[in-house]
Amino acid sequence: MSTPTRREGRNSASNCAVSTEVSKPVQVLVVCTANTCRSPAAARYLRHHAERNGVELDVSSAGFRSAGQSASDAMSEVMGERGFDLSPHRSQTLTCELVGAADLVVTMERRHVHDLAEMCGPRRIFTLPDAIAALAGVAPEVRSPRSRIAAAEDARERGDLPGGAHAEIEDPFGQSIDVNRRTAELLNQLTDELVQVLARLHEVQVVMRAELEELEHLVQHVAVLGGDAHPAVDVGVGLQRLHDGGHLDGLGTGAKDGHDSN
C-alpha cells in the first residue's frame, strides 16, 4: 500500500492567508503635533491597558515635526509619577507609509485629522474621543476588527458619530506640571475606553482563531487522504460556517474596506 501524500491546494493556501490575517494584532498609530507629549503618553497607556486586558495591539506614535526628540520634561515627570518610563522615547515624523500600515490612526486634535487626510487620504483616521464613540456605535453583527473600523468610518461620513465629552486633547507643551497631569489623566481614561471597545473585537478574534484551527485540521485531513478520497469532508462547509458568522468580513477576502493589503 502506498503512503498517502499531502496535497497542497487552493483551499489550504487560502486558509493560511485567513489564519495569518486573524492572528495579526490590530495596528494602532497615535498622532500629535510633535510626538513629544500627548502621543507618547497615549501610546504607553494603550500598551498598558491592552496588556492588562489581554488585547493584542501593536502601538506606535508619530508627529508632524522633526524626528529624534525626547519626550517633554513635564510629561516624562508626570508619567514617571504613574510608573511609566518615557526616557527611551524618541519622536518620529509622520509619513504616509506609517499611516497606511495602521489599521486605526488616532489623533489628539481635529486639525491633525484634517492634515493627515490632506497628506494621505482620510480613511481610518479619528481623534481619540471620536474613535471611541465611532467604534462603540458599530452594530454588534459587524465582527472583524477591520470591518468594524470601516463601519466606523462610514458612520463618520454620514455624520452619525455621537458627541463625546472631550472632542480634543489640548497640547500641554510648555504649560505647568498640573496641566500635564490633567492631560495624562485624560489620556489614561480615554485609552482605557478605547481598549475596552477593542477588547470586544479581541473576543471575536479568539473565537475566529479557534474556528480556523478546526478548519486547518480539516484541510490537513483532506490533503493527507488525497483531497478527493472522502468527498463528504468538505472544506467549503467550514469556510461557509465562518462566512455565515461574519468572521471572514475583511479578512483576506477582497473586502470593501480597502485595508486587505495591510
Protein backbone atom coordinates (compact mmCIF):
# COMPACT_ATOMS: atom_id res chain seq x y z
CA MET A 1 0.00 0.00 0.00
CA SER A 2 1.40 3.35 -0.97
CA THR A 3 1.84 6.00 1.70
CA PRO A 4 -0.67 8.84 1.39
CA THR A 5 0.98 12.12 0.48
CA ARG A 6 -0.17 15.54 1.49
CA ARG A 7 -1.63 17.60 -1.32
CA GLU A 8 -1.26 21.35 -1.19
CA GLY A 9 -4.12 23.10 -2.90
CA ARG A 10 -6.03 26.30 -3.14
CA ASN A 11 -8.08 25.62 -0.01
CA SER A 12 -5.05 25.16 2.26
CA ALA A 13 -3.32 28.25 0.84
CA SER A 14 -6.47 30.31 1.21
CA ASN A 15 -6.96 29.13 4.76
CA CYS A 16 -3.35 30.00 5.63
CA ALA A 17 -3.91 33.56 4.40
CA VAL A 18 -7.02 33.92 6.53
CA SER A 19 -5.24 32.49 9.60
CA THR A 20 -2.39 34.97 9.20
CA GLU A 21 -4.85 37.86 8.98
CA VAL A 22 -6.76 36.77 12.08
CA SER A 23 -3.59 36.37 14.15
CA LYS A 24 -2.24 39.79 13.23
CA PRO A 25 -2.55 42.33 16.09
CA VAL A 26 -4.55 45.48 15.44
CA GLN A 27 -2.08 48.15 14.33
CA VAL A 28 -2.73 51.50 16.07
CA LEU A 29 -0.84 54.70 15.25
CA VAL A 30 -1.15 57.57 17.76
CA VAL A 31 -0.52 61.08 16.43
CA CYS A 32 0.05 64.52 17.94
CA THR A 33 1.87 67.64 16.82
CA ALA A 34 5.48 66.91 17.80
CA ASN A 35 5.29 63.36 19.22
CA THR A 36 6.85 64.53 22.48
CA CYS A 37 3.90 64.94 24.89
CA ARG A 38 0.46 63.56 24.18
CA SER A 39 1.09 60.78 21.66
CA PRO A 40 3.97 59.06 23.51
CA ALA A 41 1.94 59.15 26.72
CA ALA A 42 -1.19 57.86 24.96
CA ALA A 43 0.79 55.11 23.23
CA ARG A 44 2.27 53.99 26.54
CA TYR A 45 -1.16 53.93 28.15
CA LEU A 46 -2.60 51.98 25.21
CA ARG A 47 0.06 49.29 25.57
CA HIS A 48 -0.56 49.14 29.32
CA HIS A 49 -4.34 48.79 29.06
CA ALA A 50 -4.04 46.32 26.17
CA GLU A 51 -1.70 44.09 28.16
CA ARG A 52 -3.96 44.33 31.21
CA ASN A 53 -6.99 43.29 29.16
CA GLY A 54 -5.24 40.66 27.05
CA VAL A 55 -5.82 42.59 23.82
CA GLU A 56 -3.25 42.24 21.04
CA LEU A 57 -2.31 45.71 19.85
CA ASP A 58 0.78 46.87 18.01
CA VAL A 59 1.04 50.55 19.03
CA SER A 60 3.32 53.21 17.59
CA SER A 61 3.30 57.02 17.67
CA ALA A 62 4.44 59.85 15.43
CA GLY A 63 4.14 63.60 14.92
CA PHE A 64 4.33 66.29 12.26
CA ARG A 65 7.68 67.73 13.33
CA SER A 66 11.30 66.60 13.20
CA ALA A 67 12.30 63.18 14.49
CA GLY A 68 14.66 62.22 17.28
CA GLN A 69 13.29 64.38 20.10
CA SER A 70 12.86 63.08 23.66
CA ALA A 71 9.54 63.21 25.46
CA SER A 72 8.99 66.58 27.13
CA ASP A 73 10.38 67.02 30.64
CA ALA A 74 6.97 67.73 32.14
CA MET A 75 5.22 64.73 30.55
CA SER A 76 8.17 62.49 31.39
CA GLU A 77 7.90 63.58 35.02
CA VAL A 78 4.14 63.05 35.13
CA MET A 79 4.30 59.63 33.52
CA GLY A 80 7.17 58.70 35.84
CA GLU A 81 4.89 59.51 38.78
CA ARG A 82 2.49 56.95 37.35
CA GLY A 83 5.14 54.28 36.90
CA PHE A 84 5.83 54.71 33.17
CA ASP A 85 9.30 55.47 31.86
CA LEU A 86 9.30 57.66 28.73
CA SER A 87 13.09 58.10 28.65
CA PRO A 88 13.58 55.63 25.75
CA HIS A 89 11.11 57.54 23.58
CA ARG A 90 12.34 59.38 20.51
CA SER A 91 9.91 61.18 18.24
CA GLN A 92 9.36 60.05 14.68
CA THR A 93 7.99 62.07 11.79
CA LEU A 94 4.70 61.06 10.20
CA THR A 95 4.77 59.52 6.76
CA CYS A 96 2.02 58.11 4.59
CA GLU A 97 3.76 54.75 4.87
CA LEU A 98 3.21 54.79 8.64
CA VAL A 99 -0.40 55.85 8.18
CA GLY A 100 -1.03 53.24 5.51
CA ALA A 101 0.35 50.45 7.68
CA ALA A 102 -2.06 51.23 10.53
CA ASP A 103 -5.48 49.68 10.96
CA LEU A 104 -6.50 52.67 13.07
CA VAL A 105 -4.97 56.14 13.41
CA VAL A 106 -5.94 58.19 16.47
CA THR A 107 -5.05 61.85 16.82
CA MET A 108 -5.29 64.42 19.58
CA GLU A 109 -6.96 67.22 17.60
CA ARG A 110 -9.30 67.50 14.64
CA ARG A 111 -6.77 69.59 12.75
CA HIS A 112 -4.49 66.55 12.88
CA VAL A 113 -7.24 64.51 11.21
CA HIS A 114 -7.61 67.18 8.54
CA ASP A 115 -3.86 67.48 7.95
CA LEU A 116 -3.41 63.71 7.72
CA ALA A 117 -6.34 63.42 5.34
CA GLU A 118 -4.71 66.03 3.15
CA MET A 119 -1.41 64.13 3.25
CA CYS A 120 -2.52 60.54 2.94
CA GLY A 121 -6.27 60.27 2.47
CA PRO A 122 -8.99 60.21 5.13
CA ARG A 123 -9.55 56.53 5.83
CA ARG A 124 -9.27 55.16 9.40
CA ILE A 125 -8.20 58.47 10.97
CA PHE A 126 -10.10 59.75 14.03
CA THR A 127 -9.46 61.87 17.06
CA LEU A 128 -9.07 59.60 20.08
CA PRO A 129 -12.50 60.55 21.53
CA ASP A 130 -14.18 60.16 18.13
CA ALA A 131 -12.58 56.74 17.63
CA ILE A 132 -14.12 55.55 20.90
CA ALA A 133 -17.56 56.89 20.02
CA ALA A 134 -17.43 55.57 16.47
CA LEU A 135 -16.30 52.05 17.32
CA ALA A 136 -18.71 51.77 20.24
CA GLY A 137 -21.57 52.65 17.89
CA VAL A 138 -20.89 49.93 15.33
CA ALA A 139 -23.57 47.24 15.14
CA PRO A 140 -22.58 44.04 17.00
CA GLU A 141 -23.09 41.85 13.92
CA VAL A 142 -20.09 43.60 12.30
CA ARG A 143 -17.44 41.32 13.75
CA SER A 144 -13.94 41.56 12.35
CA PRO A 145 -11.76 44.47 13.57
CA ARG A 146 -11.13 45.89 10.12
CA SER A 147 -14.79 45.69 9.19
CA ARG A 148 -15.74 47.49 12.42
CA ILE A 149 -13.19 50.23 11.74
CA ALA A 150 -14.54 50.57 8.18
CA ALA A 151 -18.10 50.76 9.55
CA ALA A 152 -16.99 53.48 11.96
CA GLU A 153 -15.51 55.40 9.04
CA ASP A 154 -18.80 55.05 7.13
CA ALA A 155 -20.70 56.39 10.16
CA ARG A 156 -18.44 59.44 10.27
CA GLU A 157 -19.00 60.11 6.57
CA ARG A 158 -22.76 60.02 7.20
CA GLY A 159 -22.38 62.38 10.16
CA ASP A 160 -23.69 59.74 12.56
CA LEU A 161 -20.96 59.98 15.21
CA PRO A 162 -22.30 60.63 18.72
CA GLY A 163 -20.71 63.56 20.51
CA GLY A 164 -18.22 62.90 23.30
CA ALA A 165 -17.42 64.80 26.47
CA HIS A 166 -13.97 65.62 25.11
CA ALA A 167 -13.72 66.32 21.39
CA GLU A 168 -9.98 67.01 21.52
CA ILE A 169 -6.99 66.74 23.87
CA GLU A 170 -5.26 70.10 24.19
CA ASP A 171 -1.49 70.37 23.88
CA PRO A 172 0.15 70.71 27.33
CA PHE A 173 3.61 71.51 25.96
CA GLY A 174 5.20 74.45 27.78
CA GLN A 175 2.45 74.54 30.40
CA SER A 176 2.54 73.75 34.10
CA ILE A 177 3.09 70.35 35.62
CA ASP A 178 -0.54 70.39 36.81
CA VAL A 179 -1.79 70.89 33.26
CA ASN A 180 0.36 67.97 32.15
CA ARG A 181 -1.07 65.85 34.99
CA ARG A 182 -4.62 66.62 33.88
CA THR A 183 -3.70 65.76 30.29
CA ALA A 184 -2.12 62.49 31.37
CA GLU A 185 -5.20 61.53 33.39
CA LEU A 186 -7.49 62.31 30.46
CA LEU A 187 -5.30 60.21 28.16
CA ASN A 188 -5.37 57.39 30.70
CA GLN A 189 -9.17 57.43 30.76
CA LEU A 190 -9.61 57.69 27.00
CA THR A 191 -7.08 55.00 26.10
CA ASP A 192 -8.71 52.67 28.63
CA GLU A 193 -12.06 53.30 26.94
CA LEU A 194 -10.56 52.64 23.51
CA VAL A 195 -9.07 49.35 24.69
CA GLN A 196 -12.43 48.34 26.17
CA VAL A 197 -14.01 48.86 22.74
CA LEU A 198 -11.18 46.95 21.06
CA ALA A 199 -11.47 44.21 23.69
CA ARG A 200 -14.83 43.33 22.18
CA LEU A 201 -13.06 42.87 18.86
CA HIS A 202 -10.43 40.74 20.60
CA GLU A 203 -13.11 38.41 21.95
CA VAL A 204 -14.34 37.90 18.40
CA GLN A 205 -10.78 37.21 17.22
CA VAL A 206 -10.38 34.49 19.86
CA VAL A 207 -13.47 32.73 18.52
CA MET A 208 -12.24 33.16 14.96
CA ARG A 209 -8.87 31.62 15.79
CA ALA A 210 -10.49 28.59 17.41
CA GLU A 211 -12.70 28.02 14.37
CA LEU A 212 -9.79 28.50 11.99
CA GLU A 213 -7.68 25.97 13.89
CA GLU A 214 -10.51 23.47 13.50
CA LEU A 215 -10.68 24.30 9.80
CA GLU A 216 -6.91 23.85 9.41
CA HIS A 217 -7.17 20.34 10.86
CA LEU A 218 -9.94 19.63 8.38
CA VAL A 219 -7.85 20.87 5.45
CA GLN A 220 -4.85 18.81 6.55
CA HIS A 221 -7.01 15.71 6.89
CA VAL A 222 -8.41 16.12 3.38
CA ALA A 223 -4.94 16.81 1.94
CA VAL A 224 -3.33 13.75 3.57
CA LEU A 225 -6.11 11.50 2.33
CA GLY A 226 -5.71 12.76 -1.20
CA GLY A 227 -8.28 15.52 -1.27
CA ASP A 228 -10.98 13.59 -3.15
CA ALA A 229 -10.77 10.37 -1.17
CA HIS A 230 -13.53 11.43 1.18
CA PRO A 231 -15.85 13.80 -0.67
CA ALA A 232 -18.12 14.02 2.39
CA VAL A 233 -15.39 16.01 4.13
CA ASP A 234 -15.99 19.41 2.55
CA VAL A 235 -13.59 22.25 3.32
CA GLY A 236 -16.15 24.62 1.86
CA VAL A 237 -18.52 23.78 4.70
CA GLY A 238 -16.04 25.11 7.24
CA LEU A 239 -15.40 28.27 5.26
CA GLN A 240 -19.12 28.79 4.77
CA ARG A 241 -19.68 28.49 8.51
CA LEU A 242 -17.11 31.22 9.18
CA HIS A 243 -18.62 33.37 6.45
CA ASP A 244 -22.17 32.94 7.79
CA GLY A 245 -20.95 34.04 11.22
CA GLY A 246 -19.46 37.18 9.73
CA HIS A 247 -15.96 36.10 10.74
CA LEU A 248 -14.43 36.42 7.27
CA ASP A 249 -15.56 40.01 6.74
CA GLY A 250 -12.50 41.95 5.64
CA LEU A 251 -10.13 39.01 6.21
CA GLY A 252 -8.24 38.12 3.06
CA THR A 253 -11.45 38.10 1.03
CA GLY A 254 -11.11 41.28 -1.01
CA ALA A 255 -13.11 43.29 1.50
CA LYS A 256 -14.60 46.59 0.50
CA ASP A 257 -13.00 48.44 3.42
CA GLY A 258 -9.84 48.76 1.36
CA HIS A 259 -7.41 47.54 4.02
CA ASP A 260 -6.86 43.95 2.97
CA SER A 261 -3.30 44.65 1.84
CA ASN A 262 -2.10 45.92 5.25
